[in-house]
C-alpha cells in the first residue's frame, strides 16, 4: 500500500473558469501542507490531498483532503481523480 501526497493548484482562465495547473507531488503530509500554502499566494484555488492504494492492481482509496485554499474546485477534482 502506497500513499501519494499531491497539491493541485488552479488558475483563473480566460472565461473565468478554474483551469488546473500540473499537479505537484509532495514528500509527506507536512510538505504537502507547506506547498499548498505557498501556492495559495499566487493561485485562484489550491487543494492538497493524499491518496492511498496499490498501484500494481490499480485499487485506490478515495482522496483525503489535507488543505484547501481559495475557491472550491470540487467538480473539477471529481472528474480529474
C-alpha atoms as a PDB file:
ATOM      1  CA  UNK A   1       0.000   0.000   0.000  1.00  0.00           C
ATOM      2  CA  UNK A   2       1.415   3.386  -1.045  1.00  0.00           C
ATOM      3  CA  UNK A   3       0.283   6.873  -0.132  1.00  0.00           C
ATOM      4  CA  UNK A   4       0.807   9.742  -2.544  1.00  0.00           C
ATOM      5  CA  UNK A   5       0.626  13.362  -1.411  1.00  0.00           C
ATOM      6  CA  UNK A   6      -0.438  15.791  -4.122  1.00  0.00           C
ATOM      7  CA  UNK A   7      -1.037  19.521  -4.395  1.00  0.00           C
ATOM      8  CA  UNK A   8      -3.293  20.666  -7.212  1.00  0.00           C
ATOM      9  CA  UNK A   9      -3.434  24.386  -7.953  1.00  0.00           C
ATOM     10  CA  UNK A  10      -5.826  26.203 -10.282  1.00  0.00           C
ATOM     11  CA  UNK A  11      -5.611  29.487 -12.154  1.00  0.00           C
ATOM     12  CA  UNK A  12      -8.444  31.640 -13.453  1.00  0.00           C
ATOM     13  CA  UNK A  13      -8.865  31.031 -17.211  1.00  0.00           C
ATOM     14  CA  UNK A  14      -9.941  33.449 -19.950  1.00  0.00           C
ATOM     15  CA  UNK A  15     -13.661  32.777 -19.464  1.00  0.00           C
ATOM     16  CA  UNK A  16     -13.459  32.922 -15.677  1.00  0.00           C
ATOM     17  CA  UNK A  17     -13.314  29.166 -15.175  1.00  0.00           C
ATOM     18  CA  UNK A  18     -10.744  27.453 -12.964  1.00  0.00           C
ATOM     19  CA  UNK A  19      -8.023  25.794 -15.020  1.00  0.00           C
ATOM     20  CA  UNK A  20      -5.820  23.148 -13.329  1.00  0.00           C
ATOM     21  CA  UNK A  21      -2.049  23.532 -13.256  1.00  0.00           C
ATOM     22  CA  UNK A  22       0.176  20.460 -13.386  1.00  0.00           C
ATOM     23  CA  UNK A  23      -0.198  18.587 -10.069  1.00  0.00           C
ATOM     24  CA  UNK A  24       2.806  18.606  -7.736  1.00  0.00           C
ATOM     25  CA  UNK A  25       3.791  15.590  -5.663  1.00  0.00           C
ATOM     26  CA  UNK A  26       4.873  16.190  -2.067  1.00  0.00           C
ATOM     27  CA  UNK A  27       7.129  14.041   0.139  1.00  0.00           C
ATOM     28  CA  UNK A  28       4.747  13.766   3.078  1.00  0.00           C
ATOM     29  CA  UNK A  29       1.750  15.421   4.753  1.00  0.00           C
ATOM     30  CA  UNK A  30       3.742  18.326   6.197  1.00  0.00           C
ATOM     31  CA  UNK A  31       5.420  19.079   2.867  1.00  0.00           C
ATOM     32  CA  UNK A  32       2.000  18.861   1.205  1.00  0.00           C
ATOM     33  CA  UNK A  33       0.563  21.457   3.610  1.00  0.00           C
ATOM     34  CA  UNK A  34       3.531  23.810   3.155  1.00  0.00           C
ATOM     35  CA  UNK A  35       3.486  23.547  -0.631  1.00  0.00           C
ATOM     36  CA  UNK A  36      -0.271  24.225  -0.718  1.00  0.00           C
ATOM     37  CA  UNK A  37       0.122  27.308   1.462  1.00  0.00           C
ATOM     38  CA  UNK A  38       2.909  28.643  -0.748  1.00  0.00           C
ATOM     39  CA  UNK A  39       0.967  28.037  -3.981  1.00  0.00           C
ATOM     40  CA  UNK A  40      -2.133  29.684  -2.486  1.00  0.00           C
ATOM     41  CA  UNK A  41      -0.295  33.027  -2.651  1.00  0.00           C
ATOM     42  CA  UNK A  42      -0.440  33.011  -6.477  1.00  0.00           C
ATOM     43  CA  UNK A  43      -3.373  30.715  -7.360  1.00  0.00           C
ATOM     44  CA  UNK A  44      -7.150  31.105  -7.518  1.00  0.00           C
ATOM     45  CA  UNK A  45      -7.531  27.775  -5.742  1.00  0.00           C
ATOM     46  CA  UNK A  46      -5.320  25.091  -4.213  1.00  0.00           C
ATOM     47  CA  UNK A  47      -6.217  21.641  -2.930  1.00  0.00           C
ATOM     48  CA  UNK A  48      -3.745  19.408  -1.073  1.00  0.00           C
ATOM     49  CA  UNK A  49      -4.705  15.771  -0.713  1.00  0.00           C
ATOM     50  CA  UNK A  50      -3.417  12.264  -0.166  1.00  0.00           C
ATOM     51  CA  UNK A  51      -4.425   9.070  -1.884  1.00  0.00           C
ATOM     52  CA  UNK A  52      -3.550   5.543  -0.771  1.00  0.00           C
ATOM     53  CA  UNK A  53      -3.685   2.349  -2.720  1.00  0.00           C
ATOM     54  CA  UNK A  54      -1.954  -0.411  -4.607  1.00  0.00           C
ATOM     55  CA  UNK A  55      -0.640   0.767  -7.984  1.00  0.00           C
ATOM     56  CA  UNK A  56       0.052  -2.794  -9.118  1.00  0.00           C
ATOM     57  CA  UNK A  57      -3.640  -3.683  -9.125  1.00  0.00           C
ATOM     58  CA  UNK A  58      -4.979  -0.146  -9.614  1.00  0.00           C
ATOM     59  CA  UNK A  59      -7.021  -0.167  -6.393  1.00  0.00           C
ATOM     60  CA  UNK A  60      -7.124   3.275  -4.761  1.00  0.00           C
ATOM     61  CA  UNK A  61      -8.941   4.678  -1.739  1.00  0.00           C
ATOM     62  CA  UNK A  62     -10.803   7.964  -2.045  1.00  0.00           C
ATOM     63  CA  UNK A  63      -8.679  11.089  -1.797  1.00  0.00           C
ATOM     64  CA  UNK A  64      -8.337  12.666   1.656  1.00  0.00           C
ATOM     65  CA  UNK A  65      -8.279  16.483   1.617  1.00  0.00           C
ATOM     66  CA  UNK A  66      -5.399  17.859   3.694  1.00  0.00           C
ATOM     67  CA  UNK A  67      -5.810  21.579   2.965  1.00  0.00           C
ATOM     68  CA  UNK A  68      -7.823  23.807   0.660  1.00  0.00           C
ATOM     69  CA  UNK A  69      -7.388  27.491  -0.173  1.00  0.00           C
ATOM     70  CA  UNK A  70      -9.369  29.830  -2.384  1.00  0.00           C
ATOM     71  CA  UNK A  71     -12.346  28.780  -4.462  1.00  0.00           C
ATOM     72  CA  UNK A  72     -13.798  25.270  -4.289  1.00  0.00           C
ATOM     73  CA  UNK A  73     -12.895  23.262  -7.429  1.00  0.00           C
ATOM     74  CA  UNK A  74     -14.824  20.170  -6.231  1.00  0.00           C
ATOM     75  CA  UNK A  75     -16.402  19.467  -9.628  1.00  0.00           C
ATOM     76  CA  UNK A  76     -13.017  19.531 -11.350  1.00  0.00           C
ATOM     77  CA  UNK A  77     -11.431  17.225  -8.773  1.00  0.00           C
ATOM     78  CA  UNK A  78     -14.216  14.666  -9.138  1.00  0.00           C
ATOM     79  CA  UNK A  79     -13.520  14.447 -12.870  1.00  0.00           C
ATOM     80  CA  UNK A  80      -9.710  14.510 -12.573  1.00  0.00           C
ATOM     81  CA  UNK A  81      -9.327  11.978  -9.772  1.00  0.00           C
END
